[in-house]
Amino acid sequence: MSGPQCCENPPILSSSCGQGSVPELGGLKTYATGSPDSKRAVLLVSDVYGYEAPNLRMLADKVAAAGFYVVVPDFLYGDPFVPDNAQRPAYTRLDTISWSGWFLHHL
């Protein structure tokens, strides 16, 4: 369980970071890295910031460097959590996380 700290320093999302590519797999945009011919594969699932988070892509690249084919699907369909989005507020008056707008949209 995470607290408000995870939203205090959100990542700057970048579709161009990482060593992999972004093919469509199973109808989802997916960050893929490593050799598709590898006999070992890893499926990484993003947090609320989505598959374009640079640290997640760096982690995927490190795992791929160990000989795995790594895929990170965009399970959020291009709609990651953005704390400053006024239409989906991140904080309530008590400074506690309120995922209401964003989370309800992703149920």
Protein backbone atom coordinates (compact mmCIF):
# COMPACT_ATOMS: atom_id res chain seq x y z
CA MET A 1 0.00 0.00 0.00
CA SER A 2 1.42 3.34 -0.94
CA GLY A 3 0.88 6.66 0.72
CA PRO A 4 0.87 10.25 -0.47
CA GLN A 5 4.67 10.13 -0.85
CA CYS A 6 4.40 8.31 -4.17
CA CYS A 7 2.66 11.31 -5.71
CA GLU A 8 4.95 13.98 -4.27
CA ASN A 9 7.58 13.40 -6.96
CA PRO A 10 5.83 11.84 -9.97
CA PRO A 11 7.91 10.78 -12.98
CA ILE A 12 8.11 12.79 -16.16
CA LEU A 13 6.64 10.34 -18.65
CA SER A 14 8.49 9.84 -21.90
CA SER A 15 7.46 7.64 -24.79
CA SER A 16 10.99 7.84 -26.21
CA CYS A 17 13.03 6.65 -23.24
CA GLY A 18 14.51 3.17 -22.99
CA GLN A 19 16.32 0.84 -25.37
CA GLY A 20 13.27 -1.15 -26.44
CA SER A 21 10.44 -0.55 -28.85
CA VAL A 22 6.68 -0.10 -28.56
CA PRO A 23 4.88 -2.69 -30.68
CA GLU A 24 1.22 -3.54 -30.29
CA LEU A 25 0.78 -6.92 -28.61
CA GLY A 26 -2.65 -8.35 -27.96
CA GLY A 27 -4.26 -5.03 -28.82
CA LEU A 28 -2.17 -3.05 -26.30
CA LYS A 29 0.77 -0.76 -26.87
CA THR A 30 3.62 -2.54 -25.12
CA TYR A 31 7.15 -1.56 -24.23
CA ALA A 32 9.24 -4.55 -25.35
CA THR A 33 12.95 -5.01 -24.81
CA GLY A 34 15.39 -7.87 -25.16
CA SER A 35 15.46 -10.63 -27.72
CA PRO A 36 12.05 -12.02 -28.75
CA ASP A 37 13.91 -15.28 -29.41
CA SER A 38 14.84 -15.65 -25.73
CA LYS A 39 13.52 -18.77 -24.00
CA ARG A 40 12.85 -16.69 -20.87
CA ALA A 41 10.37 -13.84 -20.60
CA VAL A 42 9.16 -11.41 -17.96
CA LEU A 43 5.88 -9.51 -17.85
CA LEU A 44 6.22 -6.25 -15.92
CA VAL A 45 3.08 -4.45 -14.81
CA SER A 46 3.26 -0.71 -14.28
CA ASP A 47 2.00 1.28 -11.34
CA VAL A 48 -0.48 4.14 -11.79
CA TYR A 49 2.06 6.15 -13.79
CA GLY A 50 1.92 3.70 -16.68
CA TYR A 51 4.33 2.04 -19.03
CA GLU A 52 6.08 5.27 -20.09
CA ALA A 53 7.64 5.83 -16.65
CA PRO A 54 11.42 6.06 -17.24
CA ASN A 55 12.41 4.06 -14.15
CA LEU A 56 10.13 1.20 -15.16
CA ARG A 57 11.65 1.14 -18.63
CA MET A 58 15.17 1.21 -17.17
CA LEU A 59 14.24 -1.76 -14.98
CA ALA A 60 12.87 -3.60 -18.02
CA ASP A 61 16.11 -2.90 -19.91
CA LYS A 62 18.21 -4.25 -17.01
CA VAL A 63 16.17 -7.46 -16.89
CA ALA A 64 16.48 -7.79 -20.66
CA ALA A 65 20.26 -7.41 -20.37
CA ALA A 66 20.21 -10.57 -18.22
CA GLY A 67 18.82 -12.53 -21.18
CA PHE A 68 15.06 -12.10 -20.80
CA TYR A 69 12.49 -10.83 -23.25
CA VAL A 70 10.58 -8.20 -21.26
CA VAL A 71 7.18 -6.75 -22.04
CA VAL A 72 5.39 -3.92 -20.24
CA PRO A 73 1.83 -3.59 -21.57
CA ASP A 74 -0.08 -0.32 -21.38
CA PHE A 75 -2.91 -1.67 -19.25
CA LEU A 76 -4.01 1.95 -18.63
CA TYR A 77 -4.74 2.52 -22.35
CA GLY A 78 -2.67 5.70 -22.56
CA ASP A 79 -4.28 7.27 -19.48
CA PRO A 80 -1.76 7.20 -16.61
CA PHE A 81 -2.42 8.99 -13.34
CA VAL A 82 -1.38 12.65 -13.52
CA PRO A 83 -1.45 14.32 -10.09
CA ASP A 84 -1.95 17.83 -11.49
CA ASN A 85 -4.95 16.90 -13.63
CA ALA A 86 -7.73 19.20 -12.38
CA GLN A 87 -10.45 16.95 -13.78
CA ARG A 88 -9.18 14.02 -11.74
CA PRO A 89 -7.83 15.54 -8.51
CA ALA A 90 -5.11 13.75 -6.59
CA TYR A 91 -5.64 15.25 -3.15
CA THR A 92 -8.56 15.96 -0.86
CA ARG A 93 -8.65 18.75 1.70
CA LEU A 94 -6.84 16.48 4.16
CA ASP A 95 -3.94 15.89 1.74
CA THR A 96 -4.74 12.21 1.48
CA ILE A 97 -4.80 10.47 -1.84
CA SER A 98 -8.18 10.56 -3.51
CA TRP A 99 -8.05 8.42 -6.60
CA SER A 100 -11.78 8.91 -7.14
CA GLY A 101 -11.73 10.50 -10.59
CA TRP A 102 -8.84 8.57 -12.06
CA PHE A 103 -9.42 5.26 -10.29
CA LEU A 104 -13.15 5.04 -11.04
CA HIS A 105 -12.36 5.59 -14.71
CA HIS A 106 -10.09 2.51 -14.63
CA LEU A 107 -12.34 -0.01 -12.89
